[in-house]
Amino acid sequence: MQETDLHLITTDRLYLPLFTEKNIEVDILRLDKIHPFVSGNKWFKLRYYLEAARTEGRKTILTFGGAWSNHIIATAAACQLNGFNSIGIIRGEEAAELSPVLQQAKEMGMCLYFLNREDYTHKKIPGMIAGNDHYIIPEGGYGIKGVEGAATIPGYFTTNDYTHICCAAGTGTMTAGLLQGVNSPTAIIAISVLKNHTGLEKNITDLSRGTVASLQVIHDYHFGGYAKYKPELTGFMNDFFSQTGIPSDFVYTAKTFFAVNDLAQKNFFAAGSRLLVIHSGGLQGNASFKKGTLIF
């Protein structure tokens, strides 16, 4: 398997008529380019967990996620690359046929254990592996080490070049990291991908351990909830790819790109604004679409 390569990160300008009309500049930070599986913000959120596991002499990483989890496949790949065994605790009963994400994670050496949703909610570790010397990474990399890793993302762009930084938010870990890593009055705009995630601001506040005065969380672009979508979103994904050549996923990045486009249309960003949108990677969930739904 190829190594992660942070030198592949680019900042791509979007030359779209809407942004020209509104007199705003929009760049995409292409974190998705660093690796096909340990993609985007996933590597940044995992890096210090893996470093701590190695320091502690642990040989096995255990983590949690769903059947289409970008975090699960990223962890499986990162463990294979870094010489760790890996265990995935998967939400829900085992299906007769594994999702492509879980199949790939299994091929990368990850041992999969399935929990019913109640046990999963309490992050119960199955008895046959409970008590073993695992290093546990929380779901989605949520936690201080995940934040510290995400706080290194601003090292790949010049903060003062932008008035706004826009990103998707699930657990809020990356957003908290950006708040820590961006030492300027630049506004951080987080697009929540979960419906009614009223605790997201508190999660980010708790994780960031500092001021969140520059933070705004927007809850209007979840398209029905986590991993939910509507034809309007998939149509936008195809149009966006046609115009920019940039692929997106319906769980996180497409909702973010759609939000930025819609907010620009509604004059949310003042004329002269300079936006950086984080492409946080993770296109694996698109494999759940019927063939032909997307053009990429």
C-alpha atoms as a PDB file:
ATOM      1  CA  MET A   1       0.000   0.000   0.000  1.00  0.00           C
ATOM      2  CA  GLN A   2       1.227   3.480  -0.812  1.00  0.00           C
ATOM      3  CA  GLU A   3       2.335   5.781   2.001  1.00  0.00           C
ATOM      4  CA  THR A   4       0.470   8.932   2.947  1.00  0.00           C
ATOM      5  CA  ASP A   5       2.048  11.910   1.198  1.00  0.00           C
ATOM      6  CA  LEU A   6       1.361  15.338   2.655  1.00  0.00           C
ATOM      7  CA  HIS A   7       3.290  16.927  -0.212  1.00  0.00           C
ATOM      8  CA  LEU A   8       0.297  16.163  -2.440  1.00  0.00           C
ATOM      9  CA  ILE A   9      -1.868  18.726  -0.618  1.00  0.00           C
ATOM     10  CA  THR A  10      -2.806  21.624  -2.889  1.00  0.00           C
ATOM     11  CA  THR A  11      -4.936  24.741  -2.620  1.00  0.00           C
ATOM     12  CA  ASP A  12      -7.217  24.948  -5.660  1.00  0.00           C
ATOM     13  CA  ARG A  13      -8.983  28.188  -6.633  1.00  0.00           C
ATOM     14  CA  LEU A  14     -12.611  27.855  -7.749  1.00  0.00           C
ATOM     15  CA  TYR A  15     -13.376  30.013 -10.769  1.00  0.00           C
ATOM     16  CA  LEU A  16     -17.160  29.844 -10.736  1.00  0.00           C
ATOM     17  CA  PRO A  17     -19.515  32.525 -12.076  1.00  0.00           C
ATOM     18  CA  LEU A  18     -21.392  32.852  -8.770  1.00  0.00           C
ATOM     19  CA  PHE A  19     -18.258  33.723  -6.833  1.00  0.00           C
ATOM     20  CA  THR A  20     -17.179  36.228  -9.479  1.00  0.00           C
ATOM     21  CA  GLU A  21     -20.628  37.815  -9.367  1.00  0.00           C
ATOM     22  CA  LYS A  22     -20.513  38.080  -5.567  1.00  0.00           C
ATOM     23  CA  ASN A  23     -16.898  39.337  -5.596  1.00  0.00           C
ATOM     24  CA  ILE A  24     -15.596  36.609  -3.309  1.00  0.00           C
ATOM     25  CA  GLU A  25     -12.646  34.263  -3.688  1.00  0.00           C
ATOM     26  CA  VAL A  26     -12.968  30.573  -2.807  1.00  0.00           C
ATOM     27  CA  ASP A  27     -10.113  28.090  -2.446  1.00  0.00           C
ATOM     28  CA  ILE A  28     -10.357  24.366  -1.673  1.00  0.00           C
ATOM     29  CA  LEU A  29      -7.688  22.820   0.572  1.00  0.00           C
ATOM     30  CA  ARG A  30      -7.269  19.392  -1.044  1.00  0.00           C
ATOM     31  CA  LEU A  31      -6.504  17.185   1.945  1.00  0.00           C
ATOM     32  CA  ASP A  32      -8.227  14.381   0.033  1.00  0.00           C
ATOM     33  CA  LYS A  33      -5.149  13.915  -2.148  1.00  0.00           C
ATOM     34  CA  ILE A  34      -2.808  12.531   0.509  1.00  0.00           C
ATOM     35  CA  HIS A  35      -3.995   8.916   0.371  1.00  0.00           C
ATOM     36  CA  PRO A  36      -6.922   6.938  -1.110  1.00  0.00           C
ATOM     37  CA  PHE A  37      -7.975   5.561   2.304  1.00  0.00           C
ATOM     38  CA  VAL A  38      -6.229   7.587   5.037  1.00  0.00           C
ATOM     39  CA  SER A  39      -7.737  10.558   3.303  1.00  0.00           C
ATOM     40  CA  GLY A  40      -8.186  14.178   4.235  1.00  0.00           C
ATOM     41  CA  ASN A  41      -8.622  15.032   7.891  1.00  0.00           C
ATOM     42  CA  LYS A  42      -8.535  11.346   8.887  1.00  0.00           C
ATOM     43  CA  TRP A  43      -4.745  11.163   8.897  1.00  0.00           C
ATOM     44  CA  PHE A  44      -4.475  14.359  10.900  1.00  0.00           C
ATOM     45  CA  LYS A  45      -6.939  13.120  13.526  1.00  0.00           C
ATOM     46  CA  LEU A  46      -5.229   9.713  13.784  1.00  0.00           C
ATOM     47  CA  ARG A  47      -1.577  10.755  13.792  1.00  0.00           C
ATOM     48  CA  TYR A  48      -1.089  11.499  17.502  1.00  0.00           C
ATOM     49  CA  TYR A  49      -3.185   8.538  18.633  1.00  0.00           C
ATOM     50  CA  LEU A  50      -0.896   6.245  16.651  1.00  0.00           C
ATOM     51  CA  GLU A  51       2.163   8.014  18.021  1.00  0.00           C
ATOM     52  CA  ALA A  52       0.907   7.526  21.586  1.00  0.00           C
ATOM     53  CA  ALA A  53       0.139   3.846  20.947  1.00  0.00           C
ATOM     54  CA  ARG A  54       3.674   3.306  19.684  1.00  0.00           C
ATOM     55  CA  THR A  55       5.163   5.149  22.675  1.00  0.00           C
ATOM     56  CA  GLU A  56       3.140   2.953  25.033  1.00  0.00           C
ATOM     57  CA  GLY A  57       4.277  -0.188  23.231  1.00  0.00           C
ATOM     58  CA  ARG A  58       0.776  -1.211  22.162  1.00  0.00           C
ATOM     59  CA  LYS A  59       0.501  -3.547  19.204  1.00  0.00           C
ATOM     60  CA  THR A  60      -3.243  -3.368  18.511  1.00  0.00           C
ATOM     61  CA  ILE A  61      -5.521  -0.410  17.812  1.00  0.00           C
ATOM     62  CA  LEU A  62      -9.246  -0.720  18.592  1.00  0.00           C
ATOM     63  CA  THR A  63     -11.809   1.761  17.338  1.00  0.00           C
ATOM     64  CA  PHE A  64     -15.497   2.189  16.524  1.00  0.00           C
ATOM     65  CA  GLY A  65     -17.622   3.066  13.499  1.00  0.00           C
ATOM     66  CA  GLY A  66     -20.482   2.200  11.166  1.00  0.00           C
ATOM     67  CA  ALA A  67     -20.604   0.035   8.074  1.00  0.00           C
ATOM     68  CA  TRP A  68     -19.731   2.993   5.823  1.00  0.00           C
ATOM     69  CA  SER A  69     -17.342   4.729   8.200  1.00  0.00           C
ATOM     70  CA  ASN A  70     -14.456   6.663   6.666  1.00  0.00           C
ATOM     71  CA  HIS A  71     -12.813   6.479  10.083  1.00  0.00           C
ATOM     72  CA  ILE A  72     -12.905   2.661  10.104  1.00  0.00           C
ATOM     73  CA  ILE A  73     -11.238   2.252   6.722  1.00  0.00           C
ATOM     74  CA  ALA A  74      -8.749   5.030   7.458  1.00  0.00           C
ATOM     75  CA  THR A  75      -7.776   3.384  10.741  1.00  0.00           C
ATOM     76  CA  ALA A  76      -7.418  -0.016   9.083  1.00  0.00           C
ATOM     77  CA  ALA A  77      -5.153   1.449   6.401  1.00  0.00           C
ATOM     78  CA  ALA A  78      -3.130   3.559   8.853  1.00  0.00           C
ATOM     79  CA  CYS A  79      -2.566   0.529  11.077  1.00  0.00           C
ATOM     80  CA  GLN A  80      -1.418  -1.567   8.137  1.00  0.00           C
ATOM     81  CA  LEU A  81       0.973   1.196   7.086  1.00  0.00           C
ATOM     82  CA  ASN A  82       2.341   1.646  10.607  1.00  0.00           C
ATOM     83  CA  GLY A  83       2.661  -1.981  11.710  1.00  0.00           C
ATOM     84  CA  PHE A  84      -0.306  -2.194  14.112  1.00  0.00           C
ATOM     85  CA  ASN A  85      -2.987  -4.841  14.356  1.00  0.00           C
ATOM     86  CA  SER A  86      -6.463  -3.332  14.146  1.00  0.00           C
ATOM     87  CA  ILE A  87      -9.908  -4.099  15.512  1.00  0.00           C
ATOM     88  CA  GLY A  88     -13.127  -2.405  14.416  1.00  0.00           C
ATOM     89  CA  ILE A  89     -16.226  -2.448  16.613  1.00  0.00           C
ATOM     90  CA  ILE A  90     -19.049  -1.952  14.108  1.00  0.00           C
ATOM     91  CA  ARG A  91     -22.470  -0.487  14.829  1.00  0.00           C
ATOM     92  CA  GLY A  92     -25.342  -2.836  13.981  1.00  0.00           C
ATOM     93  CA  GLU A  93     -25.777  -6.504  13.188  1.00  0.00           C
ATOM     94  CA  GLU A  94     -23.463  -8.131  10.665  1.00  0.00           C
ATOM     95  CA  ALA A  95     -25.027  -8.087   7.210  1.00  0.00           C
ATOM     96  CA  ALA A  96     -25.011 -11.105   4.927  1.00  0.00           C
ATOM     97  CA  GLU A  97     -22.762  -9.090   2.622  1.00  0.00           C
ATOM     98  CA  LEU A  98     -20.243  -6.632   4.017  1.00  0.00           C
ATOM     99  CA  SER A  99     -20.270  -3.072   2.744  1.00  0.00           C
ATOM    100  CA  PRO A 100     -17.355  -2.237   0.419  1.00  0.00           C
ATOM    101  CA  VAL A 101     -15.845  -0.164   3.261  1.00  0.00           C
ATOM    102  CA  LEU A 102     -15.873  -3.069   5.714  1.00  0.00           C
ATOM    103  CA  GLN A 103     -14.703  -5.521   3.076  1.00  0.00           C
ATOM    104  CA  GLN A 104     -11.704  -3.303   2.323  1.00  0.00           C
ATOM    105  CA  ALA A 105     -10.980  -2.799   6.020  1.00  0.00           C
ATOM    106  CA  LYS A 106     -11.049  -6.572   6.490  1.00  0.00           C
ATOM    107  CA  GLU A 107      -8.689  -7.055   3.542  1.00  0.00           C
ATOM    108  CA  MET A 108      -6.328  -4.613   5.253  1.00  0.00           C
ATOM    109  CA  GLY A 109      -6.232  -6.912   8.270  1.00  0.00           C
ATOM    110  CA  MET A 110      -8.851  -5.339  10.514  1.00  0.00           C
ATOM    111  CA  CYS A 111     -10.782  -7.788  12.712  1.00  0.00           C
ATOM    112  CA  LEU A 112     -14.459  -6.807  12.786  1.00  0.00           C
ATOM    113  CA  TYR A 113     -16.879  -7.255  15.687  1.00  0.00           C
ATOM    114  CA  PHE A 114     -20.528  -6.229  15.395  1.00  0.00           C
ATOM    115  CA  LEU A 115     -22.652  -4.782  18.207  1.00  0.00           C
ATOM    116  CA  ASN A 116     -26.347  -4.103  18.432  1.00  0.00           C
ATOM    117  CA  ARG A 117     -27.096  -0.397  18.583  1.00  0.00           C
ATOM    118  CA  GLU A 118     -27.722  -0.295  22.345  1.00  0.00           C
ATOM    119  CA  ASP A 119     -24.394  -1.932  23.188  1.00  0.00           C
ATOM    120  CA  TYR A 120     -22.708   0.229  20.576  1.00  0.00           C
ATOM    121  CA  THR A 121     -24.116   3.392  22.145  1.00  0.00           C
ATOM    122  CA  HIS A 122     -22.330   2.424  25.360  1.00  0.00           C
ATOM    123  CA  LYS A 123     -19.215   1.409  23.389  1.00  0.00           C
ATOM    124  CA  LYS A 124     -19.302  -2.040  24.958  1.00  0.00           C
ATOM    125  CA  ILE A 125     -16.261  -4.123  23.993  1.00  0.00           C
ATOM    126  CA  PRO A 126     -17.152  -7.783  23.275  1.00  0.00           C
ATOM    127  CA  GLY A 127     -16.167 -10.192  26.038  1.00  0.00           C
ATOM    128  CA  MET A 128     -13.793 -12.250  23.908  1.00  0.00           C
ATOM    129  CA  ILE A 129     -11.528  -9.223  23.448  1.00  0.00           C
ATOM    130  CA  ALA A 130     -12.343  -7.141  26.528  1.00  0.00           C
ATOM    131  CA  GLY A 131      -9.411  -6.626  28.860  1.00  0.00           C
ATOM    132  CA  ASN A 132      -6.785  -7.122  26.198  1.00  0.00           C
ATOM    133  CA  ASP A 133      -3.976  -4.593  25.838  1.00  0.00           C
ATOM    134  CA  HIS A 134      -5.574  -2.533  23.095  1.00  0.00           C
ATOM    135  CA  TYR A 135      -5.014   1.116  22.409  1.00  0.00           C
ATOM    136  CA  ILE A 136      -8.496   2.604  21.978  1.00  0.00           C
ATOM    137  CA  ILE A 137      -9.172   5.417  19.527  1.00  0.00           C
ATOM    138  CA  PRO A 138     -12.631   6.976  19.971  1.00  0.00           C
ATOM    139  CA  GLU A 139     -15.103   6.967  17.101  1.00  0.00           C
ATOM    140  CA  GLY A 140     -14.141   9.517  14.472  1.00  0.00           C
ATOM    141  CA  GLY A 141     -10.905  10.323  16.294  1.00  0.00           C
ATOM    142  CA  TYR A 142     -12.901  12.417  18.779  1.00  0.00           C
ATOM    143  CA  GLY A 143     -10.726  13.610  21.631  1.00  0.00           C
ATOM    144  CA  ILE A 144      -7.797  15.814  22.550  1.00  0.00           C
ATOM    145  CA  LYS A 145      -5.242  13.912  20.468  1.00  0.00           C
ATOM    146  CA  GLY A 146      -7.552  14.155  17.471  1.00  0.00           C
ATOM    147  CA  VAL A 147      -7.841  17.895  18.030  1.00  0.00           C
ATOM    148  CA  GLU A 148      -4.070  18.264  18.380  1.00  0.00           C
ATOM    149  CA  GLY A 149      -3.622  16.464  15.065  1.00  0.00           C
ATOM    150  CA  ALA A 150      -6.265  18.587  13.345  1.00  0.00           C
ATOM    151  CA  ALA A 151      -4.559  21.691  14.748  1.00  0.00           C
ATOM    152  CA  THR A 152      -1.640  20.935  12.398  1.00  0.00           C
ATOM    153  CA  ILE A 153      -3.853  21.342   9.303  1.00  0.00           C
ATOM    154  CA  PRO A 154      -3.350  25.145   9.232  1.00  0.00           C
ATOM    155  CA  GLY A 155       0.334  24.458   8.611  1.00  0.00           C
ATOM    156  CA  TYR A 156      -0.674  23.749   5.012  1.00  0.00           C
ATOM    157  CA  PHE A 157      -2.125  27.170   4.236  1.00  0.00           C
ATOM    158  CA  THR A 158      -1.541  30.800   5.161  1.00  0.00           C
ATOM    159  CA  THR A 159      -4.259  31.775   7.624  1.00  0.00           C
ATOM    160  CA  ASN A 160      -4.044  35.487   6.976  1.00  0.00           C
ATOM    161  CA  ASP A 161      -4.944  34.918   3.326  1.00  0.00           C
ATOM    162  CA  TYR A 162      -8.547  34.147   4.328  1.00  0.00           C
ATOM    163  CA  THR A 163     -11.482  35.824   6.042  1.00  0.00           C
ATOM    164  CA  HIS A 164     -13.371  32.543   6.478  1.00  0.00           C
ATOM    165  CA  ILE A 165     -12.453  28.856   6.809  1.00  0.00           C
ATOM    166  CA  CYS A 166     -15.323  26.469   6.106  1.00  0.00           C
ATOM    167  CA  CYS A 167     -15.460  22.780   7.008  1.00  0.00           C
ATOM    168  CA  ALA A 168     -17.833  19.914   7.641  1.00  0.00           C
ATOM    169  CA  ALA A 169     -18.526  18.968  11.254  1.00  0.00           C
ATOM    170  CA  GLY A 170     -19.538  15.570  12.583  1.00  0.00           C
ATOM    171  CA  THR A 171     -17.960  15.107  15.992  1.00  0.00           C
ATOM    172  CA  GLY A 172     -16.487  18.612  15.833  1.00  0.00           C
ATOM    173  CA  THR A 173     -12.930  17.341  16.288  1.00  0.00           C
ATOM    174  CA  MET A 174     -11.502  18.940  13.154  1.00  0.00           C
ATOM    175  CA  THR A 175     -13.332  22.199  13.838  1.00  0.00           C
ATOM    176  CA  ALA A 176     -11.850  22.358  17.340  1.00  0.00           C
ATOM    177  CA  GLY A 177      -8.409  21.680  15.872  1.00  0.00           C
ATOM    178  CA  LEU A 178      -8.806  24.496  13.368  1.00  0.00           C
ATOM    179  CA  LEU A 179      -9.796  26.846  16.180  1.00  0.00           C
ATOM    180  CA  GLN A 180      -6.609  25.901  18.013  1.00  0.00           C
ATOM    181  CA  GLY A 181      -4.378  26.080  14.970  1.00  0.00           C
ATOM    182  CA  VAL A 182      -5.647  29.306  13.412  1.00  0.00           C
ATOM    183  CA  ASN A 183      -4.130  32.183  15.360  1.00  0.00           C
ATOM    184  CA  SER A 184      -6.035  35.019  13.738  1.00  0.00           C
ATOM    185  CA  PRO A 185      -9.517  36.542  13.709  1.00  0.00           C
ATOM    186  CA  THR A 186     -10.397  34.382  10.696  1.00  0.00           C
ATOM    187  CA  ALA A 187     -13.986  33.134  11.044  1.00  0.00           C
ATOM    188  CA  ILE A 188     -14.447  29.354  11.300  1.00  0.00           C
ATOM    189  CA  ILE A 189     -17.702  28.202   9.679  1.00  0.00           C
ATOM    190  CA  ALA A 190     -18.683  24.633  10.571  1.00  0.00           C
ATOM    191  CA  ILE A 191     -21.393  22.910   8.529  1.00  0.00           C
ATOM    192  CA  SER A 192     -23.097  20.294  10.703  1.00  0.00           C
ATOM    193  CA  VAL A 193     -23.828  17.070   8.818  1.00  0.00           C
ATOM    194  CA  LEU A 194     -26.103  15.689  11.536  1.00  0.00           C
ATOM    195  CA  LYS A 195     -29.739  16.612  12.099  1.00  0.00           C
ATOM    196  CA  ASN A 196     -30.599  18.287  15.398  1.00  0.00           C
ATOM    197  CA  HIS A 197     -27.025  17.989  16.654  1.00  0.00           C
ATOM    198  CA  THR A 198     -27.685  20.599  19.299  1.00  0.00           C
ATOM    199  CA  GLY A 199     -24.672  19.567  21.362  1.00  0.00           C
ATOM    200  CA  LEU A 200     -22.163  20.208  18.582  1.00  0.00           C
ATOM    201  CA  GLU A 201     -21.202  23.711  19.717  1.00  0.00           C
ATOM    202  CA  LYS A 202     -20.583  22.425  23.243  1.00  0.00           C
ATOM    203  CA  ASN A 203     -18.497  19.531  21.906  1.00  0.00           C
ATOM    204  CA  ILE A 204     -16.342  21.966  19.955  1.00  0.00           C
ATOM    205  CA  THR A 205     -16.091  24.354  22.901  1.00  0.00           C
ATOM    206  CA  ASP A 206     -15.054  21.549  25.258  1.00  0.00           C
ATOM    207  CA  LEU A 207     -12.489  20.176  22.820  1.00  0.00           C
ATOM    208  CA  SER A 208     -10.994  23.489  21.769  1.00  0.00           C
ATOM    209  CA  ARG A 209     -10.060  24.485  25.332  1.00  0.00           C
ATOM    210  CA  GLY A 210     -10.046  28.109  24.316  1.00  0.00           C
ATOM    211  CA  THR A 211     -11.954  30.896  22.695  1.00  0.00           C
ATOM    212  CA  VAL A 212     -14.613  30.053  20.150  1.00  0.00           C
ATOM    213  CA  ALA A 213     -15.508  33.654  19.412  1.00  0.00           C
ATOM    214  CA  SER A 214     -14.634  33.138  15.754  1.00  0.00           C
ATOM    215  CA  LEU A 215     -16.844  30.016  15.428  1.00  0.00           C
ATOM    216  CA  GLN A 216     -20.220  29.771  13.732  1.00  0.00           C
ATOM    217  CA  VAL A 217     -21.982  26.419  13.396  1.00  0.00           C
ATOM    218  CA  ILE A 218     -24.640  26.186  10.678  1.00  0.00           C
ATOM    219  CA  HIS A 219     -27.262  23.447  10.974  1.00  0.00           C
ATOM    220  CA  ASP A 220     -29.235  23.986   7.762  1.00  0.00           C
ATOM    221  CA  TYR A 221     -27.449  21.657   5.334  1.00  0.00           C
ATOM    222  CA  HIS A 222     -27.735  18.122   6.749  1.00  0.00           C
ATOM    223  CA  PHE A 223     -30.212  16.994   4.015  1.00  0.00           C
ATOM    224  CA  GLY A 224     -32.168  14.888   6.500  1.00  0.00           C
ATOM    225  CA  GLY A 225     -29.376  13.762   8.819  1.00  0.00           C
ATOM    226  CA  TYR A 226     -26.087  11.918   8.929  1.00  0.00           C
ATOM    227  CA  ALA A 227     -25.431  10.028   5.677  1.00  0.00           C
ATOM    228  CA  LYS A 228     -28.812  11.225   4.359  1.00  0.00           C
ATOM    229  CA  TYR A 229     -29.175  12.924   0.999  1.00  0.00           C
ATOM    230  CA  LYS A 230     -31.681  14.130  -1.557  1.00  0.00           C
ATOM    231  CA  PRO A 231     -31.568  14.308  -5.361  1.00  0.00           C
ATOM    232  CA  GLU A 232     -30.741  18.007  -4.999  1.00  0.00           C
ATOM    233  CA  LEU A 233     -27.457  17.047  -3.315  1.00  0.00           C
ATOM    234  CA  THR A 234     -26.396  14.332  -5.768  1.00  0.00           C
ATOM    235  CA  GLY A 235     -27.263  16.648  -8.634  1.00  0.00           C
ATOM    236  CA  PHE A 236     -25.079  19.325  -7.073  1.00  0.00           C
ATOM    237  CA  MET A 237     -22.231  16.815  -6.661  1.00  0.00           C
ATOM    238  CA  ASN A 238     -22.291  16.064 -10.376  1.00  0.00           C
ATOM    239  CA  ASP A 239     -22.543  19.735 -11.353  1.00  0.00           C
ATOM    240  CA  PHE A 240     -19.725  20.669  -8.987  1.00  0.00           C
ATOM    241  CA  PHE A 241     -17.488  17.946 -10.418  1.00  0.00           C
ATOM    242  CA  SER A 242     -18.315  19.018 -13.977  1.00  0.00           C
ATOM    243  CA  GLN A 243     -17.319  22.596 -13.202  1.00  0.00           C
ATOM    244  CA  THR A 244     -14.283  21.998 -10.974  1.00  0.00           C
ATOM    245  CA  GLY A 245     -13.046  18.421 -11.438  1.00  0.00           C
ATOM    246  CA  ILE A 246     -13.265  17.997  -7.649  1.00  0.00           C
ATOM    247  CA  PRO A 247     -15.064  14.877  -6.345  1.00  0.00           C
ATOM    248  CA  SER A 248     -17.086  15.051  -3.137  1.00  0.00           C
ATOM    249  CA  ASP A 249     -18.918  12.646  -0.837  1.00  0.00           C
ATOM    250  CA  PHE A 250     -22.548  12.936   0.179  1.00  0.00           C
ATOM    251  CA  VAL A 251     -21.844  12.506   3.914  1.00  0.00           C
ATOM    252  CA  TYR A 252     -19.495  15.438   4.511  1.00  0.00           C
ATOM    253  CA  THR A 253     -17.849  17.376   1.715  1.00  0.00           C
ATOM    254  CA  ALA A 254     -20.761  17.727  -0.717  1.00  0.00           C
ATOM    255  CA  LYS A 255     -22.878  19.219   2.060  1.00  0.00           C
ATOM    256  CA  THR A 256     -20.070  21.661   2.827  1.00  0.00           C
ATOM    257  CA  PHE A 257     -19.571  22.693  -0.808  1.00  0.00           C
ATOM    258  CA  PHE A 258     -23.348  23.002  -1.261  1.00  0.00           C
ATOM    259  CA  ALA A 259     -23.581  25.168   1.865  1.00  0.00           C
ATOM    260  CA  VAL A 260     -20.817  27.505   0.709  1.00  0.00           C
ATOM    261  CA  ASN A 261     -22.485  27.862  -2.681  1.00  0.00           C
ATOM    262  CA  ASP A 262     -25.915  28.512  -1.160  1.00  0.00           C
ATOM    263  CA  LEU A 263     -24.615  30.928   1.471  1.00  0.00           C
ATOM    264  CA  ALA A 264     -22.777  32.864  -1.227  1.00  0.00           C
ATOM    265  CA  GLN A 265     -26.000  33.058  -3.218  1.00  0.00           C
ATOM    266  CA  LYS A 266     -27.729  34.483  -0.131  1.00  0.00           C
ATOM    267  CA  ASN A 267     -24.980  37.097   0.429  1.00  0.00           C
ATOM    268  CA  PHE A 268     -23.843  35.532   3.703  1.00  0.00           C
ATOM    269  CA  PHE A 269     -20.256  36.419   2.760  1.00  0.00           C
ATOM    270  CA  ALA A 270     -19.528  40.102   2.256  1.00  0.00           C
ATOM    271  CA  ALA A 271     -18.041  41.272  -1.037  1.00  0.00           C
ATOM    272  CA  GLY A 272     -14.271  40.950  -0.870  1.00  0.00           C
ATOM    273  CA  SER A 273     -14.386  37.851   1.371  1.00  0.00           C
ATOM    274  CA  ARG A 274     -11.718  35.208   0.849  1.00  0.00           C
ATOM    275  CA  LEU A 275     -12.817  31.676   1.723  1.00  0.00           C
ATOM    276  CA  LEU A 276     -10.875  28.488   2.295  1.00  0.00           C
ATOM    277  CA  VAL A 277     -13.009  25.335   2.208  1.00  0.00           C
ATOM    278  CA  ILE A 278     -11.494  22.171   3.690  1.00  0.00           C
ATOM    279  CA  HIS A 279     -11.852  19.074   1.505  1.00  0.00           C
ATOM    280  CA  SER A 280     -11.767  16.530   4.310  1.00  0.00           C
ATOM    281  CA  GLY A 281     -11.585  13.513   1.986  1.00  0.00           C
ATOM    282  CA  GLY A 282     -13.372  10.209   2.383  1.00  0.00           C
ATOM    283  CA  LEU A 283     -15.231   9.242  -0.786  1.00  0.00           C
ATOM    284  CA  GLN A 284     -15.863   5.628   0.199  1.00  0.00           C
ATOM    285  CA  GLY A 285     -19.513   6.162   1.092  1.00  0.00           C
ATOM    286  CA  ASN A 286     -20.301   6.991  -2.528  1.00  0.00           C
ATOM    287  CA  ALA A 287     -19.967   3.275  -3.277  1.00  0.00           C
ATOM    288  CA  SER A 288     -23.439   2.878  -1.740  1.00  0.00           C
ATOM    289  CA  PHE A 289     -25.011   4.672  -4.723  1.00  0.00           C
ATOM    290  CA  LYS A 290     -26.475   2.823  -7.676  1.00  0.00           C
ATOM    291  CA  LYS A 291     -24.180   2.797 -10.672  1.00  0.00           C
ATOM    292  CA  GLY A 292     -24.657   5.918 -12.750  1.00  0.00           C
ATOM    293  CA  THR A 293     -25.853   8.130  -9.893  1.00  0.00           C
ATOM    294  CA  LEU A 294     -22.577  10.038  -9.947  1.00  0.00           C
ATOM    295  CA  ILE A 295     -20.437  10.911 -12.957  1.00  0.00           C
ATOM    296  CA  PHE A 296     -17.142  10.385 -11.084  1.00  0.00           C
END
